[in-house]
PDB file of N, CA and C in Angstrom:
ATOM      1  N   MET A   1     122.961  97.306 100.803  1.00  0.00           N
ATOM      2  CA  MET A   1     123.141  97.901  99.694  1.00  0.00           C
ATOM      3  C   MET A   1     124.467  99.124 100.114  1.00  0.00           C
ATOM      4  N   ASP A   2     124.162  99.642 100.928  1.00  0.00           N
ATOM      5  CA  ASP A   2     124.835 100.752 101.202  1.00  0.00           C
ATOM      6  C   ASP A   2     126.248 100.416 101.434  1.00  0.00           C
ATOM      7  N   GLU A   3     126.482  99.414 101.969  1.00  0.00           N
ATOM      8  CA  GLU A   3     127.916  98.723 102.298  1.00  0.00           C
ATOM      9  C   GLU A   3     128.427  98.120 100.841  1.00  0.00           C
ATOM     10  N   LYS A   4     128.082  98.049 100.202  1.00  0.00           N
ATOM     11  CA  LYS A   4     128.510  97.429  98.763  1.00  0.00           C
ATOM     12  C   LYS A   4     128.630  98.431  97.420  1.00  0.00           C
ATOM     13  N   LEU A   5     127.540  99.333  97.315  1.00  0.00           N
ATOM     14  CA  LEU A   5     127.443 100.277  96.364  1.00  0.00           C
ATOM     15  C   LEU A   5     128.040 101.622  96.542  1.00  0.00           C
ATOM     16  N   TRP A   6     128.470 102.275  95.602  1.00  0.00           N
ATOM     17  CA  TRP A   6     129.434 103.375  95.926  1.00  0.00           C
ATOM     18  C   TRP A   6     127.900 104.621  95.499  1.00  0.00           C
ATOM     19  N   GLY A   7     127.722 105.834  95.952  1.00  0.00           N
ATOM     20  CA  GLY A   7     126.945 106.743  95.675  1.00  0.00           C
ATOM     21  C   GLY A   7     126.383 107.063  97.003  1.00  0.00           C
ATOM     22  N   PRO A   8     125.376 107.908  96.973  1.00  0.00           N
ATOM     23  CA  PRO A   8     124.519 108.032  98.224  1.00  0.00           C
ATOM     24  C   PRO A   8     123.940 107.184  98.837  1.00  0.00           C
ATOM     25  N   ARG A   9     123.594 106.959 100.133  1.00  0.00           N
ATOM     26  CA  ARG A   9     123.380 106.073 101.121  1.00  0.00           C
ATOM     27  C   ARG A   9     122.036 106.258 100.953  1.00  0.00           C
ATOM     28  N   LEU A  10     121.479 104.682 100.993  1.00  0.00           N
ATOM     29  CA  LEU A  10     119.890 104.668 101.143  1.00  0.00           C
ATOM     30  C   LEU A  10     119.018 104.581 102.195  1.00  0.00           C
ATOM     31  N   HIS A  11     119.639 104.099 103.460  1.00  0.00           N
ATOM     32  CA  HIS A  11     119.296 104.142 104.493  1.00  0.00           C
ATOM     33  C   HIS A  11     119.370 105.345 105.167  1.00  0.00           C
ATOM     34  N   ARG A  12     118.508 105.514 106.214  1.00  0.00           N
ATOM     35  CA  ARG A  12     118.206 106.733 106.921  1.00  0.00           C
ATOM     36  C   ARG A  12     119.215 106.716 108.265  1.00  0.00           C
ATOM     37  N   GLU A  13     119.843 107.882 107.980  1.00  0.00           N
ATOM     38  CA  GLU A  13     121.024 108.096 108.890  1.00  0.00           C
ATOM     39  C   GLU A  13     120.709 108.386 110.748  1.00  0.00           C
ATOM     40  N   ASP A  14     119.401 109.107 110.847  1.00  0.00           N
ATOM     41  CA  ASP A  14     118.747 109.056 112.008  1.00  0.00           C
ATOM     42  C   ASP A  14     118.322 107.981 112.666  1.00  0.00           C
ATOM     43  N   PRO A  15     118.573 107.666 114.235  1.00  0.00           N
ATOM     44  CA  PRO A  15     118.274 106.247 114.332  1.00  0.00           C
ATOM     45  C   PRO A  15     116.578 106.009 114.202  1.00  0.00           C
ATOM     46  N   LEU A  16     115.684 107.117 114.917  1.00  0.00           N
ATOM     47  CA  LEU A  16     114.210 106.901 114.753  1.00  0.00           C
ATOM     48  C   LEU A  16     113.793 106.496 113.165  1.00  0.00           C
ATOM     49  N   GLU A  17     114.177 107.561 112.208  1.00  0.00           N
ATOM     50  CA  GLU A  17     113.914 107.503 111.145  1.00  0.00           C
ATOM     51  C   GLU A  17     114.459 106.158 110.225  1.00  0.00           C
ATOM     52  N   HIS A  18     115.271 105.616 110.977  1.00  0.00           N
ATOM     53  CA  HIS A  18     116.003 104.103 110.538  1.00  0.00           C
ATOM     54  C   HIS A  18     115.306 103.051 110.803  1.00  0.00           C
ATOM     55  N   ALA A  19     114.538 103.334 112.110  1.00  0.00           N
ATOM     56  CA  ALA A  19     113.682 102.423 112.856  1.00  0.00           C
ATOM     57  C   ALA A  19     112.309 102.327 112.109  1.00  0.00           C
ATOM     58  N   VAL A  20     111.884 103.455 111.783  1.00  0.00           N
ATOM     59  CA  VAL A  20     110.574 103.439 111.128  1.00  0.00           C
ATOM     60  C   VAL A  20     110.981 103.123 109.424  1.00  0.00           C
ATOM     61  N   GLU A  21     111.781 103.035 108.772  1.00  0.00           N
ATOM     62  CA  GLU A  21     112.217 102.504 107.580  1.00  0.00           C
ATOM     63  C   GLU A  21     112.229 100.992 107.647  1.00  0.00           C
ATOM     64  N   SER A  22     112.946 100.771 108.759  1.00  0.00           N
ATOM     65  CA  SER A  22     113.032  98.969 109.093  1.00  0.00           C
ATOM     66  C   SER A  22     111.682  98.426 109.196  1.00  0.00           C
ATOM     67  N   MET A  23     110.567  99.377 109.857  1.00  0.00           N
ATOM     68  CA  MET A  23     109.765  98.619 110.214  1.00  0.00           C
ATOM     69  C   MET A  23     108.696  98.172 109.094  1.00  0.00           C
ATOM     70  N   LEU A  24     108.963  99.311 107.906  1.00  0.00           N
ATOM     71  CA  LEU A  24     107.898  99.330 106.489  1.00  0.00           C
ATOM     72  C   LEU A  24     108.799  98.217 105.796  1.00  0.00           C
ATOM     73  N   VAL A  25     110.405  97.903 105.599  1.00  0.00           N
ATOM     74  CA  VAL A  25     110.917  96.987 105.012  1.00  0.00           C
ATOM     75  C   VAL A  25     110.514  95.696 105.603  1.00  0.00           C
ATOM     76  N   ALA A  26     110.417  95.529 106.654  1.00  0.00           N
ATOM     77  CA  ALA A  26     109.910  94.200 107.212  1.00  0.00           C
ATOM     78  C   ALA A  26     108.812  93.717 107.036  1.00  0.00           C
ATOM     79  N   ARG A  27     107.838  94.710 106.256  1.00  0.00           N
ATOM     80  CA  ARG A  27     106.585  93.973 105.453  1.00  0.00           C
ATOM     81  C   ARG A  27     106.755  93.877 104.046  1.00  0.00           C
ATOM     82  N   GLU A  28     108.074  93.708 103.562  1.00  0.00           N
ATOM     83  CA  GLU A  28     108.229  93.261 102.302  1.00  0.00           C
ATOM     84  C   GLU A  28     108.333  91.624 101.910  1.00  0.00           C
ATOM     85  N   GLY A  29     108.412  91.092 103.127  1.00  0.00           N
ATOM     86  CA  GLY A  29     108.605  89.531 102.826  1.00  0.00           C
ATOM     87  C   GLY A  29     107.146  88.962 102.844  1.00  0.00           C
ATOM     88  N   PRO A  30     106.180  89.183 103.833  1.00  0.00           N
ATOM     89  CA  PRO A  30     104.765  88.902 103.657  1.00  0.00           C
ATOM     90  C   PRO A  30     104.238  89.399 102.419  1.00  0.00           C
ATOM     91  N   CYS A  31     104.659  90.544 101.971  1.00  0.00           N
ATOM     92  CA  CYS A  31     103.853  91.035 100.530  1.00  0.00           C
ATOM     93  C   CYS A  31     104.506  90.135  99.545  1.00  0.00           C
ATOM     94  N   THR A  32     105.649  89.913  99.535  1.00  0.00           N
ATOM     95  CA  THR A  32     106.278  89.246  98.162  1.00  0.00           C
ATOM     96  C   THR A  32     105.708  87.691  98.157  1.00  0.00           C
ATOM     97  N   MET A  33     105.418  86.870  99.480  1.00  0.00           N
ATOM     98  CA  MET A  33     105.089  85.919  99.765  1.00  0.00           C
ATOM     99  C   MET A  33     103.736  85.823  99.383  1.00  0.00           C
ATOM    100  N   THR A  34     102.710  86.730  99.883  1.00  0.00           N
ATOM    101  CA  THR A  34     101.389  86.775  99.331  1.00  0.00           C
ATOM    102  C   THR A  34     101.340  86.801  97.875  1.00  0.00           C
ATOM    103  N   GLY A  35     101.992  87.652  97.429  1.00  0.00           N
ATOM    104  CA  GLY A  35     101.856  88.119  95.749  1.00  0.00           C
ATOM    105  C   GLY A  35     102.364  86.664  95.171  1.00  0.00           C
ATOM    106  N   TYR A  36     103.608  85.938  95.308  1.00  0.00           N
ATOM    107  CA  TYR A  36     103.956  85.004  94.644  1.00  0.00           C
ATOM    108  C   TYR A  36     102.833  84.202  94.785  1.00  0.00           C
ATOM    109  N   ILE A  37     102.212  83.538  96.036  1.00  0.00           N
ATOM    110  CA  ILE A  37     101.093  82.567  96.220  1.00  0.00           C
ATOM    111  C   ILE A  37      99.934  82.882  95.314  1.00  0.00           C
ATOM    112  N   TYR A  38      99.772  83.965  95.261  1.00  0.00           N
ATOM    113  CA  TYR A  38      98.498  84.702  94.056  1.00  0.00           C
ATOM    114  C   TYR A  38      99.027  84.435  92.878  1.00  0.00           C
ATOM    115  N   VAL A  39      99.932  84.859  92.413  1.00  0.00           N
ATOM    116  CA  VAL A  39     100.342  84.320  90.938  1.00  0.00           C
ATOM    117  C   VAL A  39     100.150  82.983  90.737  1.00  0.00           C
ATOM    118  N   MET A  40     101.091  81.998  91.416  1.00  0.00           N
ATOM    119  CA  MET A  40     101.243  80.606  91.065  1.00  0.00           C
ATOM    120  C   MET A  40     100.037  79.987  91.359  1.00  0.00           C
ATOM    121  N   ASN A  41      98.803  80.362  91.974  1.00  0.00           N
ATOM    122  CA  ASN A  41      97.467  79.902  92.350  1.00  0.00           C
ATOM    123  C   ASN A  41      97.330  79.304  91.071  1.00  0.00           C
ATOM    124  N   GLN A  42      96.719  78.023  90.880  1.00  0.00           N
ATOM    125  CA  GLN A  42      95.893  77.443  90.069  1.00  0.00           C
ATOM    126  C   GLN A  42      94.598  77.123  90.060  1.00  0.00           C
ATOM    127  N   ASP A  43      93.977  77.333  91.095  1.00  0.00           N
ATOM    128  CA  ASP A  43      92.539  77.210  91.477  1.00  0.00           C
ATOM    129  C   ASP A  43      91.722  78.593  91.291  1.00  0.00           C
ATOM    130  N   PRO A  44      91.023  78.356  90.471  1.00  0.00           N
ATOM    131  CA  PRO A  44      90.074  79.601  90.148  1.00  0.00           C
ATOM    132  C   PRO A  44      89.236  80.194  91.405  1.00  0.00           C
ATOM    133  N   ASP A  45      88.956  79.192  92.064  1.00  0.00           N
ATOM    134  CA  ASP A  45      87.648  79.234  93.129  1.00  0.00           C
ATOM    135  C   ASP A  45      88.591  79.901  94.128  1.00  0.00           C
ATOM    136  N   LYS A  46      90.043  79.944  94.395  1.00  0.00           N
ATOM    137  CA  LYS A  46      90.714  80.467  95.165  1.00  0.00           C
ATOM    138  C   LYS A  46      91.270  82.118  94.998  1.00  0.00           C
ATOM    139  N   ARG A  47      91.127  82.310  93.769  1.00  0.00           N
ATOM    140  CA  ARG A  47      91.777  83.427  93.447  1.00  0.00           C
ATOM    141  C   ARG A  47      91.453  85.150  94.188  1.00  0.00           C
ATOM    142  N   GLN A  48      90.228  85.026  94.417  1.00  0.00           N
ATOM    143  CA  GLN A  48      89.740  85.921  95.366  1.00  0.00           C
ATOM    144  C   GLN A  48      90.250  86.178  96.328  1.00  0.00           C
ATOM    145  N   ASP A  49      90.323  85.124  97.078  1.00  0.00           N
ATOM    146  CA  ASP A  49      90.919  85.044  98.544  1.00  0.00           C
ATOM    147  C   ASP A  49      92.459  85.574  98.422  1.00  0.00           C
ATOM    148  N   HIS A  50      93.265  84.952  97.603  1.00  0.00           N
ATOM    149  CA  HIS A  50      94.484  85.578  97.392  1.00  0.00           C
ATOM    150  C   HIS A  50      94.630  87.114  96.788  1.00  0.00           C
ATOM    151  N   ARG A  51      93.882  87.506  96.121  1.00  0.00           N
ATOM    152  CA  ARG A  51      93.838  88.616  95.735  1.00  0.00           C
ATOM    153  C   ARG A  51      92.965  89.947  96.797  1.00  0.00           C
ATOM    154  N   ASP A  52      92.458  89.214  97.956  1.00  0.00           N
ATOM    155  CA  ASP A  52      91.931  90.215  98.971  1.00  0.00           C
ATOM    156  C   ASP A  52      93.268  89.952 100.046  1.00  0.00           C
ATOM    157  N   LYS A  53      93.777  89.188 100.348  1.00  0.00           N
ATOM    158  CA  LYS A  53      95.193  89.111 101.106  1.00  0.00           C
ATOM    159  C   LYS A  53      95.886  90.002 100.600  1.00  0.00           C
ATOM    160  N   LEU A  54      96.410  90.072  99.482  1.00  0.00           N
ATOM    161  CA  LEU A  54      97.474  91.044  99.081  1.00  0.00           C
ATOM    162  C   LEU A  54      96.827  92.438  99.102  1.00  0.00           C
ATOM    163  N   LEU A  55      95.479  92.827  98.484  1.00  0.00           N
ATOM    164  CA  LEU A  55      95.078  94.054  98.990  1.00  0.00           C
ATOM    165  C   LEU A  55      94.868  94.391 100.351  1.00  0.00           C
ATOM    166  N   GLY A  56      94.863  93.516 101.079  1.00  0.00           N
ATOM    167  CA  GLY A  56      95.105  93.761 102.579  1.00  0.00           C
ATOM    168  C   GLY A  56      96.557  94.262 103.136  1.00  0.00           C
ATOM    169  N   LEU A  57      97.173  93.478 102.572  1.00  0.00           N
ATOM    170  CA  LEU A  57      98.681  93.843 102.862  1.00  0.00           C
ATOM    171  C   LEU A  57      98.929  95.488 101.945  1.00  0.00           C
ATOM    172  N   TYR A  58      98.533  95.919 100.990  1.00  0.00           N
ATOM    173  CA  TYR A  58      98.765  96.915 100.027  1.00  0.00           C
ATOM    174  C   TYR A  58      98.168  98.066 101.340  1.00  0.00           C
ATOM    175  N   ARG A  59      96.936  97.623 101.823  1.00  0.00           N
ATOM    176  CA  ARG A  59      96.215  98.875 102.469  1.00  0.00           C
ATOM    177  C   ARG A  59      96.924  98.908 103.863  1.00  0.00           C
ATOM    178  N   ASP A  60      97.527  98.174 104.337  1.00  0.00           N
ATOM    179  CA  ASP A  60      98.645  97.995 105.398  1.00  0.00           C
ATOM    180  C   ASP A  60      99.754  98.819 105.328  1.00  0.00           C
ATOM    181  N   ILE A  61     100.231  98.831 104.051  1.00  0.00           N
ATOM    182  CA  ILE A  61     101.294  99.597 103.816  1.00  0.00           C
ATOM    183  C   ILE A  61     101.019 101.038 103.715  1.00  0.00           C
ATOM    184  N   ASP A  62      99.787 101.184 102.704  1.00  0.00           N
ATOM    185  CA  ASP A  62      99.517 102.668 102.793  1.00  0.00           C
ATOM    186  C   ASP A  62      99.015 103.238 104.108  1.00  0.00           C
ATOM    187  N   GLY A  63      98.366 102.557 104.915  1.00  0.00           N
ATOM    188  CA  GLY A  63      98.193 103.322 106.235  1.00  0.00           C
ATOM    189  C   GLY A  63      99.484 103.408 106.780  1.00  0.00           C
ATOM    190  N   PHE A  64     100.498 102.807 107.006  1.00  0.00           N
ATOM    191  CA  PHE A  64     101.810 103.079 107.361  1.00  0.00           C
ATOM    192  C   PHE A  64     102.384 104.359 106.655  1.00  0.00           C
ATOM    193  N   LEU A  65     102.388 104.526 105.270  1.00  0.00           N
ATOM    194  CA  LEU A  65     102.915 105.724 104.814  1.00  0.00           C
ATOM    195  C   LEU A  65     102.068 107.065 104.743  1.00  0.00           C
ATOM    196  N   MET A  66     100.723 106.365 105.131  1.00  0.00           N
ATOM    197  CA  MET A  66      99.894 107.755 105.496  1.00  0.00           C
ATOM    198  C   MET A  66     100.065 108.273 106.628  1.00  0.00           C
ATOM    199  N   GLU A  67     100.554 107.142 107.909  1.00  0.00           N
ATOM    200  CA  GLU A  67     100.874 107.898 109.139  1.00  0.00           C
ATOM    201  C   GLU A  67     102.039 108.462 109.476  1.00  0.00           C
ATOM    202  N   HIS A  68     103.122 108.213 108.432  1.00  0.00           N
ATOM    203  CA  HIS A  68     104.576 108.881 108.511  1.00  0.00           C
ATOM    204  C   HIS A  68     104.854 109.857 107.545  1.00  0.00           C
ATOM    205  N   ASN A  69     104.101 109.824 106.606  1.00  0.00           N
ATOM    206  CA  ASN A  69     104.000 111.050 105.776  1.00  0.00           C
ATOM    207  C   ASN A  69     102.837 111.357 104.598  1.00  0.00           C
ATOM    208  N   PRO A  70     101.760 111.915 105.195  1.00  0.00           N
ATOM    209  CA  PRO A  70     100.589 111.586 104.333  1.00  0.00           C
ATOM    210  C   PRO A  70     100.724 112.630 103.241  1.00  0.00           C
ATOM    211  N   ASP A  71     101.412 113.563 103.146  1.00  0.00           N
ATOM    212  CA  ASP A  71     101.686 114.076 101.820  1.00  0.00           C
ATOM    213  C   ASP A  71     102.525 113.824 101.134  1.00  0.00           C
ATOM    214  N   GLY A  72     103.597 113.063 101.393  1.00  0.00           N
ATOM    215  CA  GLY A  72     104.838 112.803 100.612  1.00  0.00           C
ATOM    216  C   GLY A  72     104.580 111.495  99.353  1.00  0.00           C
ATOM    217  N   THR A  73     105.573 111.595  98.824  1.00  0.00           N
ATOM    218  CA  THR A  73     105.736 110.181  97.750  1.00  0.00           C
ATOM    219  C   THR A  73     106.399 109.614  98.010  1.00  0.00           C
ATOM    220  N   PHE A  74     107.267 109.707  98.967  1.00  0.00           N
ATOM    221  CA  PHE A  74     108.114 108.752  99.412  1.00  0.00           C
ATOM    222  C   PHE A  74     107.822 108.527 101.270  1.00  0.00           C
ATOM    223  N   LEU A  75     108.641 107.560 101.812  1.00  0.00           N
ATOM    224  CA  LEU A  75     108.338 106.996 103.313  1.00  0.00           C
ATOM    225  C   LEU A  75     108.825 108.604 103.973  1.00  0.00           C
ATOM    226  N   PHE A  76     109.768 108.942 103.608  1.00  0.00           N
ATOM    227  CA  PHE A  76     110.367 110.332 104.034  1.00  0.00           C
ATOM    228  C   PHE A  76     110.383 111.631 102.781  1.00  0.00           C
ATOM    229  N   ASP A  77     111.429 112.268 102.728  1.00  0.00           N
ATOM    230  CA  ASP A  77     111.381 113.465 101.993  1.00  0.00           C
ATOM    231  C   ASP A  77     111.852 112.713 100.524  1.00  0.00           C
ATOM    232  N   GLU A  78     112.468 111.831 100.657  1.00  0.00           N
ATOM    233  CA  GLU A  78     113.180 111.440  98.963  1.00  0.00           C
ATOM    234  C   GLU A  78     113.313 109.962  99.084  1.00  0.00           C
ATOM    235  N   PHE A  79     113.734 109.505  97.908  1.00  0.00           N
ATOM    236  CA  PHE A  79     113.719 107.808  97.692  1.00  0.00           C
ATOM    237  C   PHE A  79     114.972 107.308  98.780  1.00  0.00           C
ATOM    238  N   GLY A  80     114.550 106.388  99.222  1.00  0.00           N
ATOM    239  CA  GLY A  80     115.424 105.741 100.131  1.00  0.00           C
ATOM    240  C   GLY A  80     115.276 104.435 100.199  1.00  0.00           C
ATOM    241  N   LEU A  81     116.120 103.934 100.995  1.00  0.00           N
ATOM    242  CA  LEU A  81     116.074 102.348 101.367  1.00  0.00           C
ATOM    243  C   LEU A  81     114.590 101.633 100.898  1.00  0.00           C
ATOM    244  N   ALA A  82     113.800 101.864 101.724  1.00  0.00           N
ATOM    245  CA  ALA A  82     112.412 101.186 101.823  1.00  0.00           C
ATOM    246  C   ALA A  82     111.810 101.286 100.334  1.00  0.00           C
ATOM    247  N   GLU A  83     111.945 102.260  99.549  1.00  0.00           N
ATOM    248  CA  GLU A  83     111.408 102.243  98.241  1.00  0.00           C
ATOM    249  C   GLU A  83     112.380 101.458  97.150  1.00  0.00           C
ATOM    250  N   ALA A  84     113.656 101.426  97.580  1.00  0.00           N
ATOM    251  CA  ALA A  84     114.565 100.403  97.037  1.00  0.00           C
ATOM    252  C   ALA A  84     114.040  99.207  96.969  1.00  0.00           C
ATOM    253  N   VAL A  85     113.638  98.648  98.158  1.00  0.00           N
ATOM    254  CA  VAL A  85     112.927  97.328  98.847  1.00  0.00           C
ATOM    255  C   VAL A  85     111.761  97.280  97.918  1.00  0.00           C
ATOM    256  N   PHE A  86     110.680  98.039  97.778  1.00  0.00           N
ATOM    257  CA  PHE A  86     109.396  97.760  97.501  1.00  0.00           C
ATOM    258  C   PHE A  86     109.189  97.788  96.133  1.00  0.00           C
ATOM    259  N   THR A  87     110.322  98.959  95.435  1.00  0.00           N
ATOM    260  CA  THR A  87     109.809  99.018  93.958  1.00  0.00           C
ATOM    261  C   THR A  87     109.848  98.126  93.347  1.00  0.00           C
ATOM    262  N   PRO A  88     110.707  96.812  93.046  1.00  0.00           N
ATOM    263  CA  PRO A  88     110.805  96.143  92.334  1.00  0.00           C
ATOM    264  C   PRO A  88     109.577  94.888  92.570  1.00  0.00           C
ATOM    265  N   VAL A  89     109.273  94.820  93.938  1.00  0.00           N
ATOM    266  CA  VAL A  89     108.409  93.977  94.275  1.00  0.00           C
ATOM    267  C   VAL A  89     106.887  94.493  93.463  1.00  0.00           C
ATOM    268  N   PHE A  90     106.698  95.810  93.715  1.00  0.00           N
ATOM    269  CA  PHE A  90     105.302  96.569  92.979  1.00  0.00           C
ATOM    270  C   PHE A  90     105.398  96.374  91.792  1.00  0.00           C
ATOM    271  N   LYS A  91     106.570  96.166  91.198  1.00  0.00           N
ATOM    272  CA  LYS A  91     106.563  96.146  89.366  1.00  0.00           C
ATOM    273  C   LYS A  91     106.482  94.736  88.992  1.00  0.00           C
ATOM    274  N   TRP A  92     106.406  93.689  90.042  1.00  0.00           N
ATOM    275  CA  TRP A  92     106.466  92.532  89.569  1.00  0.00           C
ATOM    276  C   TRP A  92     104.653  91.839  89.744  1.00  0.00           C
ATOM    277  N   PHE A  93     104.380  92.591  90.556  1.00  0.00           N
ATOM    278  CA  PHE A  93     102.437  92.549  90.603  1.00  0.00           C
ATOM    279  C   PHE A  93     101.911  93.335  90.035  1.00  0.00           C
ATOM    280  N   TRP A  94     102.206  94.381  89.180  1.00  0.00           N
ATOM    281  CA  TRP A  94     101.330  95.086  88.238  1.00  0.00           C
ATOM    282  C   TRP A  94     100.611  94.377  87.408  1.00  0.00           C
ATOM    283  N   PHE A  95     101.014  93.213  86.942  1.00  0.00           N
ATOM    284  CA  PHE A  95     100.422  92.574  85.863  1.00  0.00           C
ATOM    285  C   PHE A  95      99.130  92.033  86.297  1.00  0.00           C
ATOM    286  N   LEU A  96      99.001  91.796  87.645  1.00  0.00           N
ATOM    287  CA  LEU A  96      97.861  91.324  88.386  1.00  0.00           C
ATOM    288  C   LEU A  96      96.302  91.823  87.860  1.00  0.00           C
ATOM    289  N   ASP A  97      96.311  93.307  87.506  1.00  0.00           N
ATOM    290  CA  ASP A  97      95.165  93.786  87.313  1.00  0.00           C
ATOM    291  C   ASP A  97      94.608  93.034  86.079  1.00  0.00           C
ATOM    292  N   TYR A  98      95.329  92.674  85.373  1.00  0.00           N
ATOM    293  CA  TYR A  98      95.018  91.970  83.851  1.00  0.00           C
ATOM    294  C   TYR A  98      94.081  90.648  84.069  1.00  0.00           C
TER     295      TYR A  98
END
């Protein structure tokens, strides 16, 4: 996105922080796929299994965030690439509570 859009850069400039950011962003694919399979599931008997898998991924992401910024709102000190990647994914799955 930084190469195509004007404005402040989203990815971290510091190489170590960029690597940490990339490790979190790498979790987006499995999270999205697990959530999509859960949403598309039509077998009531498998609903809990799908829910447990998605919650497991959420716990993994939470653990990552707690390790890298336990007192913060974002991965680092402000909204960045990781948040830009995950925000639409999390918004897509909000309705699963219903």
